Protein backbone atom coordinates (compact mmCIF):
# COMPACT_ATOMS: atom_id res chain seq x y z
CA MET A 1 6.71 3.38 -18.37
CA ASP A 2 6.48 4.43 -14.73
CA LYS A 3 7.31 1.27 -12.46
CA PHE A 4 5.58 1.12 -9.13
CA ASN A 5 5.71 -1.13 -6.64
CA VAL A 6 3.32 -2.41 -3.02
CA CYS A 7 4.51 -3.07 0.01
CA GLN A 8 2.87 -4.65 3.39
CA PHE A 9 4.08 -4.52 6.79
CA PHE A 10 2.82 -6.57 8.93
CA GLU A 11 2.42 -6.08 13.03
CA ASP A 12 5.74 -7.42 14.30
CA GLY A 13 8.07 -5.53 12.42
CA THR A 14 8.88 -7.27 9.17
CA TYR A 15 7.53 -6.63 5.30
CA GLU A 16 7.28 -7.93 2.15
CA TYR A 17 6.98 -6.58 -1.87
CA VAL A 18 3.45 -7.60 -3.44
CA ARG A 19 4.45 -6.06 -6.33
CA ARG A 20 7.80 -4.98 -7.96
CA PHE A 21 7.80 -2.66 -11.00
CA VAL A 22 4.26 -3.28 -12.21
CA PRO A 23 1.98 -0.66 -14.17
CA ALA A 24 0.44 1.48 -11.88
CA GLU A 25 -3.22 -0.10 -12.91
CA GLU A 26 -1.31 -3.53 -11.03
CA ALA A 27 0.11 -1.70 -8.20
CA MET A 28 -3.70 0.34 -7.37
CA THR A 29 -5.02 -3.28 -8.19
CA ALA A 30 -2.56 -5.00 -5.20
CA PHE A 31 -2.95 -1.97 -3.51
CA LYS A 32 -6.52 -2.39 -2.58
CA HIS A 33 -6.46 -6.72 -2.33
CA PHE A 34 -3.71 -5.91 0.18
CA THR A 35 -6.13 -3.20 1.69
CA ASN A 36 -8.94 -4.99 2.35
CA SER A 37 -7.46 -8.54 2.85
CA VAL A 38 -8.83 -10.52 6.12
CA ALA A 39 -5.09 -9.71 7.12
CA ALA A 40 -5.25 -6.26 6.76
CA ARG A 41 -8.46 -6.28 8.57
CA THR A 42 -7.58 -8.16 11.31
CA GLY A 43 -4.25 -5.81 11.86
CA ILE A 44 -1.41 -8.60 11.16
CA VAL A 45 -0.92 -5.69 8.16
CA GLN A 46 -0.52 -2.40 10.05
CA ARG A 47 0.79 -0.66 6.87
CA VAL A 48 0.56 -0.74 2.88
CA ILE A 49 2.46 1.59 0.40
CA ILE A 50 2.48 1.80 -3.06
CA THR A 51 5.91 3.70 -4.27
CA ASP A 52 7.44 4.65 -7.58
CA THR A 53 10.98 3.67 -9.02
CA GLY A 54 12.27 7.17 -7.07
CA ASP A 55 11.06 5.03 -3.90
CA CYS A 56 8.41 8.29 -3.26
CA THR A 57 5.37 7.37 -1.74
CA ASN A 58 2.11 7.34 -4.09
CA ALA A 59 0.20 5.89 -1.48
CA GLU A 60 -0.76 4.60 2.00
CA TRP A 61 -3.00 2.77 4.26
CA VAL A 62 -2.20 2.73 7.89
CA TYR A 63 -4.46 -0.21 10.11
CA GLY A 64 -7.13 1.45 12.35
CA LYS A 65 -6.70 4.55 10.17
CA GLY A 66 -7.26 4.30 6.38
CA LEU A 67 -6.12 5.93 3.61
CA THR A 68 -3.56 8.25 4.72
CA TYR A 69 -2.16 9.19 1.82
CA PRO A 70 -3.11 11.11 -0.73
CA LEU A 71 -5.32 13.10 1.66
CA LYS A 72 -8.44 13.65 0.74
CA GLU A 73 -9.20 17.20 -0.08
CA GLU A 74 -11.67 19.22 1.81
CA LYS A 75 -15.22 20.87 -0.57
């Protein structure tokens, strides 16, 4: 079973892993929570990512841009 990490990056350049080695569903729930938090909406949190155990980015949210990866397909 694949495991994932969720990390948030702050405006001062620091970061914090908010979930480590969790299943995909738990990582996605945390990602949604931390990208909609008061800190994210006010810019204290600048970026939130989900990475897999190979350290590949699976999702990225950036303050002022929203979801930047994966990109939405144009129809």
